[in-house]
mmCIF file of all heavy atoms, coordinates in Angstrom:
data_MODEL
# 
_entry.id   MODEL 
# 
loop_
_atom_site.group_PDB 
_atom_site.id 
_atom_site.type_symbol 
_atom_site.label_atom_id 
_atom_site.label_alt_id 
_atom_site.label_comp_id 
_atom_site.label_asym_id 
_atom_site.label_entity_id 
_atom_site.label_seq_id 
_atom_site.pdbx_PDB_ins_code 
_atom_site.Cartn_x 
_atom_site.Cartn_y 
_atom_site.Cartn_z 
_atom_site.occupancy 
_atom_site.B_iso_or_equiv 
_atom_site.pdbx_formal_charge 
_atom_site.auth_seq_id 
_atom_site.auth_comp_id 
_atom_site.auth_asym_id 
_atom_site.auth_atom_id 
_atom_site.pdbx_PDB_model_num 
ATOM 1   N N   . ALA A 1 1  ? -7.846 11.020  -1.257  1.00 0.00 ? 1  ALA A N   1 
ATOM 2   C CA  . ALA A 1 1  ? -6.510 11.605  -1.105  1.00 0.00 ? 1  ALA A CA  1 
ATOM 3   C C   . ALA A 1 1  ? -5.566 10.661  -0.372  1.00 0.00 ? 1  ALA A C   1 
ATOM 4   O O   . ALA A 1 1  ? -4.379 10.555  -0.711  1.00 0.00 ? 1  ALA A O   1 
ATOM 5   C CB  . ALA A 1 1  ? -6.608 12.936  -0.367  1.00 0.00 ? 1  ALA A CB  1 
ATOM 6   N N   . THR A 1 2  ? -6.089 9.966   0.641   1.00 0.00 ? 2  THR A N   1 
ATOM 7   C CA  . THR A 1 2  ? -5.259 9.019   1.392   1.00 0.00 ? 2  THR A CA  1 
ATOM 8   C C   . THR A 1 2  ? -4.784 7.884   0.494   1.00 0.00 ? 2  THR A C   1 
ATOM 9   O O   . THR A 1 2  ? -3.604 7.497   0.520   1.00 0.00 ? 2  THR A O   1 
ATOM 10  C CB  . THR A 1 2  ? -6.044 8.451   2.590   1.00 0.00 ? 2  THR A CB  1 
ATOM 11  O OG1 . THR A 1 2  ? -6.390 9.527   3.475   1.00 0.00 ? 2  THR A OG1 1 
ATOM 12  C CG2 . THR A 1 2  ? -5.210 7.424   3.341   1.00 0.00 ? 2  THR A CG2 1 
ATOM 13  N N   . SER A 1 3  ? -5.699 7.356   -0.315  1.00 0.00 ? 3  SER A N   1 
ATOM 14  C CA  . SER A 1 3  ? -5.315 6.268   -1.220  1.00 0.00 ? 3  SER A CA  1 
ATOM 15  C C   . SER A 1 3  ? -4.345 6.760   -2.291  1.00 0.00 ? 3  SER A C   1 
ATOM 16  O O   . SER A 1 3  ? -3.433 6.034   -2.699  1.00 0.00 ? 3  SER A O   1 
ATOM 17  C CB  . SER A 1 3  ? -6.554 5.649   -1.869  1.00 0.00 ? 3  SER A CB  1 
ATOM 18  O OG  . SER A 1 3  ? -7.162 6.547   -2.782  1.00 0.00 ? 3  SER A OG  1 
ATOM 19  N N   . ALA A 1 4  ? -4.530 8.013   -2.741  1.00 0.00 ? 4  ALA A N   1 
ATOM 20  C CA  . ALA A 1 4  ? -3.633 8.575   -3.757  1.00 0.00 ? 4  ALA A CA  1 
ATOM 21  C C   . ALA A 1 4  ? -2.223 8.761   -3.204  1.00 0.00 ? 4  ALA A C   1 
ATOM 22  O O   . ALA A 1 4  ? -1.229 8.481   -3.888  1.00 0.00 ? 4  ALA A O   1 
ATOM 23  C CB  . ALA A 1 4  ? -4.179 9.912   -4.252  1.00 0.00 ? 4  ALA A CB  1 
ATOM 24  N N   . ALA A 1 5  ? -2.130 9.221   -1.953  1.00 0.00 ? 5  ALA A N   1 
ATOM 25  C CA  . ALA A 1 5  ? -0.812 9.409   -1.334  1.00 0.00 ? 5  ALA A CA  1 
ATOM 26  C C   . ALA A 1 5  ? -0.093 8.074   -1.190  1.00 0.00 ? 5  ALA A C   1 
ATOM 27  O O   . ALA A 1 5  ? 1.119  7.973   -1.409  1.00 0.00 ? 5  ALA A O   1 
ATOM 28  C CB  . ALA A 1 5  ? -0.962 10.087  0.025   1.00 0.00 ? 5  ALA A CB  1 
ATOM 29  N N   . SER A 1 6  ? -0.853 7.039   -0.823  1.00 0.00 ? 6  SER A N   1 
ATOM 30  C CA  . SER A 1 6  ? -0.266 5.709   -0.697  1.00 0.00 ? 6  SER A CA  1 
ATOM 31  C C   . SER A 1 6  ? 0.223  5.206   -2.056  1.00 0.00 ? 6  SER A C   1 
ATOM 32  O O   . SER A 1 6  ? 1.304  4.620   -2.161  1.00 0.00 ? 6  SER A O   1 
ATOM 33  C CB  . SER A 1 6  ? -1.292 4.743   -0.107  1.00 0.00 ? 6  SER A CB  1 
ATOM 34  O OG  . SER A 1 6  ? -0.773 3.439   -0.022  1.00 0.00 ? 6  SER A OG  1 
ATOM 35  N N   . LEU A 1 7  ? -0.566 5.444   -3.087  1.00 0.00 ? 7  LEU A N   1 
ATOM 36  C CA  . LEU A 1 7  ? -0.171 5.011   -4.429  1.00 0.00 ? 7  LEU A CA  1 
ATOM 37  C C   . LEU A 1 7  ? 1.071  5.760   -4.897  1.00 0.00 ? 7  LEU A C   1 
ATOM 38  O O   . LEU A 1 7  ? 1.989  5.162   -5.477  1.00 0.00 ? 7  LEU A O   1 
ATOM 39  C CB  . LEU A 1 7  ? -1.322 5.221   -5.406  1.00 0.00 ? 7  LEU A CB  1 
ATOM 40  C CG  . LEU A 1 7  ? -1.040 4.846   -6.867  1.00 0.00 ? 7  LEU A CG  1 
ATOM 41  C CD1 . LEU A 1 7  ? -0.590 3.390   -6.975  1.00 0.00 ? 7  LEU A CD1 1 
ATOM 42  C CD2 . LEU A 1 7  ? -2.268 5.096   -7.730  1.00 0.00 ? 7  LEU A CD2 1 
ATOM 43  N N   . GLN A 1 8  ? 1.115  7.059   -4.649  1.00 0.00 ? 8  GLN A N   1 
ATOM 44  C CA  . GLN A 1 8  ? 2.292  7.837   -5.054  1.00 0.00 ? 8  GLN A CA  1 
ATOM 45  C C   . GLN A 1 8  ? 3.539  7.336   -4.334  1.00 0.00 ? 8  GLN A C   1 
ATOM 46  O O   . GLN A 1 8  ? 4.621  7.228   -4.930  1.00 0.00 ? 8  GLN A O   1 
ATOM 47  C CB  . GLN A 1 8  ? 2.070  9.315   -4.742  1.00 0.00 ? 8  GLN A CB  1 
ATOM 48  C CG  . GLN A 1 8  ? 3.206  10.230  -5.187  1.00 0.00 ? 8  GLN A CG  1 
ATOM 49  C CD  . GLN A 1 8  ? 3.410  10.208  -6.685  1.00 0.00 ? 8  GLN A CD  1 
ATOM 50  O OE1 . GLN A 1 8  ? 2.511  10.561  -7.449  1.00 0.00 ? 8  GLN A OE1 1 
ATOM 51  N NE2 . GLN A 1 8  ? 4.584  9.792   -7.141  1.00 0.00 ? 8  GLN A NE2 1 
ATOM 52  N N   . GLY A 1 9  ? 3.374  7.008   -3.054  1.00 0.00 ? 9  GLY A N   1 
ATOM 53  C CA  . GLY A 1 9  ? 4.510  6.467   -2.307  1.00 0.00 ? 9  GLY A CA  1 
ATOM 54  C C   . GLY A 1 9  ? 4.975  5.133   -2.849  1.00 0.00 ? 9  GLY A C   1 
ATOM 55  O O   . GLY A 1 9  ? 6.183  4.881   -2.949  1.00 0.00 ? 9  GLY A O   1 
ATOM 56  N N   . SER A 1 10 ? 4.038  4.276   -3.208  1.00 0.00 ? 10 SER A N   1 
ATOM 57  C CA  . SER A 1 10 ? 4.405  2.967   -3.747  1.00 0.00 ? 10 SER A CA  1 
ATOM 58  C C   . SER A 1 10 ? 5.056  3.111   -5.119  1.00 0.00 ? 10 SER A C   1 
ATOM 59  O O   . SER A 1 10 ? 5.957  2.346   -5.469  1.00 0.00 ? 10 SER A O   1 
ATOM 60  C CB  . SER A 1 10 ? 3.183  2.056   -3.822  1.00 0.00 ? 10 SER A CB  1 
ATOM 61  O OG  . SER A 1 10 ? 2.274  2.489   -4.821  1.00 0.00 ? 10 SER A OG  1 
ATOM 62  N N   . LEU A 1 11 ? 4.595  4.081   -5.891  1.00 0.00 ? 11 LEU A N   1 
ATOM 63  C CA  . LEU A 1 11 ? 5.212  4.345   -7.194  1.00 0.00 ? 11 LEU A CA  1 
ATOM 64  C C   . LEU A 1 11 ? 6.664  4.787   -7.021  1.00 0.00 ? 11 LEU A C   1 
ATOM 65  O O   . LEU A 1 11 ? 7.570  4.291   -7.699  1.00 0.00 ? 11 LEU A O   1 
ATOM 66  C CB  . LEU A 1 11 ? 4.429  5.420   -7.940  1.00 0.00 ? 11 LEU A CB  1 
ATOM 67  C CG  . LEU A 1 11 ? 5.065  5.982   -9.220  1.00 0.00 ? 11 LEU A CG  1 
ATOM 68  C CD1 . LEU A 1 11 ? 5.208  4.896   -10.279 1.00 0.00 ? 11 LEU A CD1 1 
ATOM 69  C CD2 . LEU A 1 11 ? 4.245  7.155   -9.758  1.00 0.00 ? 11 LEU A CD2 1 
ATOM 70  N N   . THR A 1 12 ? 6.889  5.704   -6.093  1.00 0.00 ? 12 THR A N   1 
ATOM 71  C CA  . THR A 1 12 ? 8.245  6.189   -5.828  1.00 0.00 ? 12 THR A CA  1 
ATOM 72  C C   . THR A 1 12 ? 9.151  5.048   -5.379  1.00 0.00 ? 12 THR A C   1 
ATOM 73  O O   . THR A 1 12 ? 10.305 4.927   -5.821  1.00 0.00 ? 12 THR A O   1 
ATOM 74  C CB  . THR A 1 12 ? 8.210  7.292   -4.758  1.00 0.00 ? 12 THR A CB  1 
ATOM 75  O OG1 . THR A 1 12 ? 7.406  8.381   -5.223  1.00 0.00 ? 12 THR A OG1 1 
ATOM 76  C CG2 . THR A 1 12 ? 9.608  7.790   -4.437  1.00 0.00 ? 12 THR A CG2 1 
ATOM 77  N N   . ALA A 1 13 ? 8.613  4.181   -4.503  1.00 0.00 ? 13 ALA A N   1 
ATOM 78  C CA  . ALA A 1 13 ? 9.401  3.057   -4.002  1.00 0.00 ? 13 ALA A CA  1 
ATOM 79  C C   . ALA A 1 13 ? 9.722  2.073   -5.115  1.00 0.00 ? 13 ALA A C   1 
ATOM 80  O O   . ALA A 1 13 ? 10.847 1.564   -5.214  1.00 0.00 ? 13 ALA A O   1 
ATOM 81  C CB  . ALA A 1 13 ? 8.644  2.351   -2.877  1.00 0.00 ? 13 ALA A CB  1 
ATOM 82  N N   . ARG A 1 14 ? 8.748  1.806   -5.973  1.00 0.00 ? 14 ARG A N   1 
ATOM 83  C CA  . ARG A 1 14 ? 8.974  0.854   -7.065  1.00 0.00 ? 14 ARG A CA  1 
ATOM 84  C C   . ARG A 1 14 ? 9.984  1.394   -8.059  1.00 0.00 ? 14 ARG A C   1 
ATOM 85  O O   . ARG A 1 14 ? 10.883 0.670   -8.527  1.00 0.00 ? 14 ARG A O   1 
ATOM 86  C CB  . ARG A 1 14 ? 7.656  0.540   -7.754  1.00 0.00 ? 14 ARG A CB  1 
ATOM 87  C CG  . ARG A 1 14 ? 7.708  -0.634  -8.731  1.00 0.00 ? 14 ARG A CG  1 
ATOM 88  C CD  . ARG A 1 14 ? 7.886  -0.171  -10.157 1.00 0.00 ? 14 ARG A CD  1 
ATOM 89  N NE  . ARG A 1 14 ? 6.786  0.666   -10.574 1.00 0.00 ? 14 ARG A NE  1 
ATOM 90  C CZ  . ARG A 1 14 ? 6.834  1.444   -11.655 1.00 0.00 ? 14 ARG A CZ  1 
ATOM 91  N NH1 . ARG A 1 14 ? 7.935  1.495   -12.383 1.00 0.00 ? 14 ARG A NH1 1 
ATOM 92  N NH2 . ARG A 1 14 ? 5.805  2.195   -11.991 1.00 0.00 ? 14 ARG A NH2 1 
ATOM 93  N N   . GLU A 1 15 ? 9.900  2.667   -8.393  1.00 0.00 ? 15 GLU A N   1 
ATOM 94  C CA  . GLU A 1 15 ? 10.857 3.259   -9.321  1.00 0.00 ? 15 GLU A CA  1 
ATOM 95  C C   . GLU A 1 15 ? 12.268 3.246   -8.734  1.00 0.00 ? 15 GLU A C   1 
ATOM 96  O O   . GLU A 1 15 ? 13.236 2.962   -9.451  1.00 0.00 ? 15 GLU A O   1 
ATOM 97  C CB  . GLU A 1 15 ? 10.438 4.686   -9.672  1.00 0.00 ? 15 GLU A CB  1 
ATOM 98  C CG  . GLU A 1 15 ? 9.194  4.754   -10.547 1.00 0.00 ? 15 GLU A CG  1 
ATOM 99  C CD  . GLU A 1 15 ? 8.741  6.166   -10.844 1.00 0.00 ? 15 GLU A CD  1 
ATOM 100 O OE1 . GLU A 1 15 ? 9.093  7.079   -10.055 1.00 0.00 ? 15 GLU A OE1 1 
ATOM 101 O OE2 . GLU A 1 15 ? 8.038  6.373   -11.842 1.00 0.00 ? 15 GLU A OE2 1 
ATOM 102 N N   . ALA A 1 16 ? 12.382 3.529   -7.440  1.00 0.00 ? 16 ALA A N   1 
ATOM 103 C CA  . ALA A 1 16 ? 13.696 3.495   -6.796  1.00 0.00 ? 16 ALA A CA  1 
ATOM 104 C C   . ALA A 1 16 ? 14.253 2.074   -6.796  1.00 0.00 ? 16 ALA A C   1 
ATOM 105 O O   . ALA A 1 16 ? 15.453 1.864   -7.035  1.00 0.00 ? 16 ALA A O   1 
ATOM 106 C CB  . ALA A 1 16 ? 13.588 4.027   -5.365  1.00 0.00 ? 16 ALA A CB  1 
ATOM 107 N N   . ALA A 1 17 ? 13.386 1.095   -6.548  1.00 0.00 ? 17 ALA A N   1 
ATOM 108 C CA  . ALA A 1 17 ? 13.823 -0.301  -6.545  1.00 0.00 ? 17 ALA A CA  1 
ATOM 109 C C   . ALA A 1 17 ? 14.269 -0.735  -7.934  1.00 0.00 ? 17 ALA A C   1 
ATOM 110 O O   . ALA A 1 17 ? 15.257 -1.463  -8.088  1.00 0.00 ? 17 ALA A O   1 
ATOM 111 C CB  . ALA A 1 17 ? 12.688 -1.204  -6.046  1.00 0.00 ? 17 ALA A CB  1 
ATOM 112 N N   . GLU A 1 18 ? 13.560 -0.294  -8.959  1.00 0.00 ? 18 GLU A N   1 
ATOM 113 C CA  . GLU A 1 18 ? 13.942 -0.631  -10.333 1.00 0.00 ? 18 GLU A CA  1 
ATOM 114 C C   . GLU A 1 18 ? 15.298 -0.021  -10.693 1.00 0.00 ? 18 GLU A C   1 
ATOM 115 O O   . GLU A 1 18 ? 16.131 -0.681  -11.325 1.00 0.00 ? 18 GLU A O   1 
ATOM 116 C CB  . GLU A 1 18 ? 12.882 -0.130  -11.304 1.00 0.00 ? 18 GLU A CB  1 
ATOM 117 C CG  . GLU A 1 18 ? 11.619 -0.964  -11.332 1.00 0.00 ? 18 GLU A CG  1 
ATOM 118 C CD  . GLU A 1 18 ? 10.641 -0.489  -12.380 1.00 0.00 ? 18 GLU A CD  1 
ATOM 119 O OE1 . GLU A 1 18 ? 10.866 0.592   -12.970 1.00 0.00 ? 18 GLU A OE1 1 
ATOM 120 O OE2 . GLU A 1 18 ? 9.644  -1.195  -12.626 1.00 0.00 ? 18 GLU A OE2 1 
ATOM 121 N N   . ARG A 1 19 ? 15.512 1.222   -10.308 1.00 0.00 ? 19 ARG A N   1 
ATOM 122 C CA  . ARG A 1 19 ? 16.800 1.867   -10.610 1.00 0.00 ? 19 ARG A CA  1 
ATOM 123 C C   . ARG A 1 19 ? 17.953 1.154   -9.907  1.00 0.00 ? 19 ARG A C   1 
ATOM 124 O O   . ARG A 1 19 ? 19.019 0.941   -10.497 1.00 0.00 ? 19 ARG A O   1 
ATOM 125 C CB  . ARG A 1 19 ? 16.758 3.344   -10.209 1.00 0.00 ? 19 ARG A CB  1 
ATOM 126 C CG  . ARG A 1 19 ? 15.854 4.203   -11.081 1.00 0.00 ? 19 ARG A CG  1 
ATOM 127 C CD  . ARG A 1 19 ? 16.132 5.679   -10.873 1.00 0.00 ? 19 ARG A CD  1 
ATOM 128 N NE  . ARG A 1 19 ? 15.856 6.087   -9.506  1.00 0.00 ? 19 ARG A NE  1 
ATOM 129 C CZ  . ARG A 1 19 ? 14.670 6.499   -9.076  1.00 0.00 ? 19 ARG A CZ  1 
ATOM 130 N NH1 . ARG A 1 19 ? 13.636 6.528   -9.890  1.00 0.00 ? 19 ARG A NH1 1 
ATOM 131 N NH2 . ARG A 1 19 ? 14.502 6.873   -7.817  1.00 0.00 ? 19 ARG A NH2 1 
ATOM 132 N N   . GLN A 1 20 ? 17.725 0.791   -8.640  1.00 0.00 ? 20 GLN A N   1 
ATOM 133 C CA  . GLN A 1 20 ? 18.779 0.098   -7.894  1.00 0.00 ? 20 GLN A CA  1 
ATOM 134 C C   . GLN A 1 20 ? 19.086 -1.251  -8.522  1.00 0.00 ? 20 GLN A C   1 
ATOM 135 O O   . GLN A 1 20 ? 20.258 -1.642  -8.652  1.00 0.00 ? 20 GLN A O   1 
ATOM 136 C CB  . GLN A 1 20 ? 18.354 -0.065  -6.432  1.00 0.00 ? 20 GLN A CB  1 
ATOM 137 C CG  . GLN A 1 20 ? 19.371 -0.772  -5.561  1.00 0.00 ? 20 GLN A CG  1 
ATOM 138 C CD  . GLN A 1 20 ? 20.663 0.019   -5.369  1.00 0.00 ? 20 GLN A CD  1 
ATOM 139 O OE1 . GLN A 1 20 ? 20.807 1.143   -5.853  1.00 0.00 ? 20 GLN A OE1 1 
ATOM 140 N NE2 . GLN A 1 20 ? 21.619 -0.558  -4.657  1.00 0.00 ? 20 GLN A NE2 1 
ATOM 141 N N   . ALA A 1 21 ? 18.046 -1.984  -8.917  1.00 0.00 ? 21 ALA A N   1 
ATOM 142 C CA  . ALA A 1 21 ? 18.254 -3.300  -9.540  1.00 0.00 ? 21 ALA A CA  1 
ATOM 143 C C   . ALA A 1 21 ? 18.997 -3.148  -10.863 1.00 0.00 ? 21 ALA A C   1 
ATOM 144 O O   . ALA A 1 21 ? 19.868 -3.963  -11.187 1.00 0.00 ? 21 ALA A O   1 
ATOM 145 C CB  . ALA A 1 21 ? 16.915 -3.996  -9.755  1.00 0.00 ? 21 ALA A CB  1 
ATOM 146 N N   . THR A 1 22 ? 18.678 -2.113  -11.612 1.00 0.00 ? 22 THR A N   1 
ATOM 147 C CA  . THR A 1 22 ? 19.372 -1.873  -12.886 1.00 0.00 ? 22 THR A CA  1 
ATOM 148 C C   . THR A 1 22 ? 20.859 -1.629  -12.656 1.00 0.00 ? 22 THR A C   1 
ATOM 149 O O   . THR A 1 22 ? 21.718 -2.176  -13.365 1.00 0.00 ? 22 THR A O   1 
ATOM 150 C CB  . THR A 1 22 ? 18.746 -0.676  -13.615 1.00 0.00 ? 22 THR A CB  1 
ATOM 151 O OG1 . THR A 1 22 ? 17.382 -0.981  -13.942 1.00 0.00 ? 22 THR A OG1 1 
ATOM 152 C CG2 . THR A 1 22 ? 19.499 -0.362  -14.901 1.00 0.00 ? 22 THR A CG2 1 
ATOM 153 N N   . LYS A 1 23 ? 21.171 -0.831  -11.655 1.00 0.00 ? 23 LYS A N   1 
ATOM 154 C CA  . LYS A 1 23 ? 22.579 -0.554  -11.349 1.00 0.00 ? 23 LYS A CA  1 
ATOM 155 C C   . LYS A 1 23 ? 23.313 -1.820  -10.921 1.00 0.00 ? 23 LYS A C   1 
ATOM 156 O O   . LYS A 1 23 ? 24.458 -2.063  -11.330 1.00 0.00 ? 23 LYS A O   1 
ATOM 157 C CB  . LYS A 1 23 ? 22.683 0.513   -10.258 1.00 0.00 ? 23 LYS A CB  1 
ATOM 158 C CG  . LYS A 1 23 ? 22.211 1.887   -10.706 1.00 0.00 ? 23 LYS A CG  1 
ATOM 159 C CD  . LYS A 1 23 ? 22.633 3.004   -9.774  1.00 0.00 ? 23 LYS A CD  1 
ATOM 160 C CE  . LYS A 1 23 ? 22.291 2.805   -8.361  1.00 0.00 ? 23 LYS A CE  1 
ATOM 161 N NZ  . LYS A 1 23 ? 22.572 3.981   -7.503  1.00 0.00 ? 23 LYS A NZ  1 
ATOM 162 N N   . LEU A 1 24 ? 22.645 -2.633  -10.108 1.00 0.00 ? 24 LEU A N   1 
ATOM 163 C CA  . LEU A 1 24 ? 23.313 -3.845  -9.607  1.00 0.00 ? 24 LEU A CA  1 
ATOM 164 C C   . LEU A 1 24 ? 23.444 -4.908  -10.693 1.00 0.00 ? 24 LEU A C   1 
ATOM 165 O O   . LEU A 1 24 ? 24.365 -5.731  -10.641 1.00 0.00 ? 24 LEU A O   1 
ATOM 166 C CB  . LEU A 1 24 ? 22.563 -4.382  -8.397  1.00 0.00 ? 24 LEU A CB  1 
ATOM 167 C CG  . LEU A 1 24 ? 22.692 -3.496  -7.141  1.00 0.00 ? 24 LEU A CG  1 
ATOM 168 C CD1 . LEU A 1 24 ? 21.854 -4.033  -6.004  1.00 0.00 ? 24 LEU A CD1 1 
ATOM 169 C CD2 . LEU A 1 24 ? 24.151 -3.363  -6.706  1.00 0.00 ? 24 LEU A CD2 1 
ATOM 170 N N   . ARG A 1 25 ? 22.558 -4.908  -11.679 1.00 0.00 ? 25 ARG A N   1 
ATOM 171 C CA  . ARG A 1 25 ? 22.748 -5.814  -12.820 1.00 0.00 ? 25 ARG A CA  1 
ATOM 172 C C   . ARG A 1 25 ? 24.005 -5.429  -13.586 1.00 0.00 ? 25 ARG A C   1 
ATOM 173 O O   . ARG A 1 25 ? 24.777 -6.296  -14.019 1.00 0.00 ? 25 ARG A O   1 
ATOM 174 C CB  . ARG A 1 25 ? 21.526 -5.762  -13.742 1.00 0.00 ? 25 ARG A CB  1 
ATOM 175 C CG  . ARG A 1 25 ? 20.305 -6.460  -13.193 1.00 0.00 ? 25 ARG A CG  1 
ATOM 176 C CD  . ARG A 1 25 ? 19.165 -6.533  -14.189 1.00 0.00 ? 25 ARG A CD  1 
ATOM 177 N NE  . ARG A 1 25 ? 17.931 -6.882  -13.505 1.00 0.00 ? 25 ARG A NE  1 
ATOM 178 C CZ  . ARG A 1 25 ? 16.986 -6.015  -13.171 1.00 0.00 ? 25 ARG A CZ  1 
ATOM 179 N NH1 . ARG A 1 25 ? 17.108 -4.739  -13.514 1.00 0.00 ? 25 ARG A NH1 1 
ATOM 180 N NH2 . ARG A 1 25 ? 15.909 -6.426  -12.521 1.00 0.00 ? 25 ARG A NH2 1 
ATOM 181 N N   . ALA A 1 26 ? 24.197 -4.129  -13.751 1.00 0.00 ? 26 ALA A N   1 
ATOM 182 C CA  . ALA A 1 26 ? 25.409 -3.666  -14.435 1.00 0.00 ? 26 ALA A CA  1 
ATOM 183 C C   . ALA A 1 26 ? 26.648 -4.052  -13.634 1.00 0.00 ? 26 ALA A C   1 
ATOM 184 O O   . ALA A 1 26 ? 27.653 -4.515  -14.197 1.00 0.00 ? 26 ALA A O   1 
ATOM 185 C CB  . ALA A 1 26 ? 25.347 -2.154  -14.629 1.00 0.00 ? 26 ALA A CB  1 
ATOM 186 N N   . ARG A 1 27 ? 26.574 -3.890  -12.330 1.00 0.00 ? 27 ARG A N   1 
ATOM 187 C CA  . ARG A 1 27 ? 27.719 -4.230  -11.470 1.00 0.00 ? 27 ARG A CA  1 
ATOM 188 C C   . ARG A 1 27 ? 28.042 -5.723  -11.563 1.00 0.00 ? 27 ARG A C   1 
ATOM 189 O O   . ARG A 1 27 ? 29.222 -6.106  -11.665 1.00 0.00 ? 27 ARG A O   1 
ATOM 190 C CB  . ARG A 1 27 ? 27.392 -3.843  -10.031 1.00 0.00 ? 27 ARG A CB  1 
ATOM 191 C CG  . ARG A 1 27 ? 28.477 -4.232  -9.031  1.00 0.00 ? 27 ARG A CG  1 
ATOM 192 C CD  . ARG A 1 27 ? 28.003 -3.967  -7.618  1.00 0.00 ? 27 ARG A CD  1 
ATOM 193 N NE  . ARG A 1 27 ? 28.878 -4.579  -6.629  1.00 0.00 ? 27 ARG A NE  1 
ATOM 194 C CZ  . ARG A 1 27 ? 28.522 -4.806  -5.366  1.00 0.00 ? 27 ARG A CZ  1 
ATOM 195 N NH1 . ARG A 1 27 ? 27.328 -4.469  -4.950  1.00 0.00 ? 27 ARG A NH1 1 
ATOM 196 N NH2 . ARG A 1 27 ? 29.361 -5.369  -4.531  1.00 0.00 ? 27 ARG A NH2 1 
ATOM 197 N N   . PHE A 1 28 ? 27.010 -6.563  -11.540 1.00 0.00 ? 28 PHE A N   1 
ATOM 198 C CA  . PHE A 1 28 ? 27.232 -8.001  -11.610 1.00 0.00 ? 28 PHE A CA  1 
ATOM 199 C C   . PHE A 1 28 ? 27.812 -8.398  -12.965 1.00 0.00 ? 28 PHE A C   1 
ATOM 200 O O   . PHE A 1 28 ? 28.653 -9.304  -13.059 1.00 0.00 ? 28 PHE A O   1 
ATOM 201 C CB  . PHE A 1 28 ? 25.925 -8.749  -11.335 1.00 0.00 ? 28 PHE A CB  1 
ATOM 202 C CG  . PHE A 1 28 ? 26.080 -10.242 -11.261 1.00 0.00 ? 28 PHE A CG  1 
ATOM 203 C CD1 . PHE A 1 28 ? 27.118 -10.826 -10.552 1.00 0.00 ? 28 PHE A CD1 1 
ATOM 204 C CD2 . PHE A 1 28 ? 25.172 -11.076 -11.905 1.00 0.00 ? 28 PHE A CD2 1 
ATOM 205 C CE1 . PHE A 1 28 ? 27.255 -12.213 -10.476 1.00 0.00 ? 28 PHE A CE1 1 
ATOM 206 C CE2 . PHE A 1 28 ? 25.297 -12.456 -11.837 1.00 0.00 ? 28 PHE A CE2 1 
ATOM 207 C CZ  . PHE A 1 28 ? 26.344 -13.020 -11.127 1.00 0.00 ? 28 PHE A CZ  1 
ATOM 208 N N   . THR A 1 29 ? 27.380 -7.726  -14.019 1.00 0.00 ? 29 THR A N   1 
ATOM 209 C CA  . THR A 1 29 ? 27.937 -7.984  -15.350 1.00 0.00 ? 29 THR A CA  1 
ATOM 210 C C   . THR A 1 29 ? 29.430 -7.674  -15.381 1.00 0.00 ? 29 THR A C   1 
ATOM 211 O O   . THR A 1 29 ? 30.234 -8.426  -15.956 1.00 0.00 ? 29 THR A O   1 
ATOM 212 C CB  . THR A 1 29 ? 27.212 -7.140  -16.409 1.00 0.00 ? 29 THR A CB  1 
ATOM 213 O OG1 . THR A 1 29 ? 25.825 -7.526  -16.453 1.00 0.00 ? 29 THR A OG1 1 
ATOM 214 C CG2 . THR A 1 29 ? 27.814 -7.352  -17.794 1.00 0.00 ? 29 THR A CG2 1 
# 
């Protein structure tokens, strides 16, 4: 369960980072 919670947190962080990068690519364009 501890490892699963860590993985879920890393997944959430990675998805948030991807969304932010996508928005900033549009802004730079």
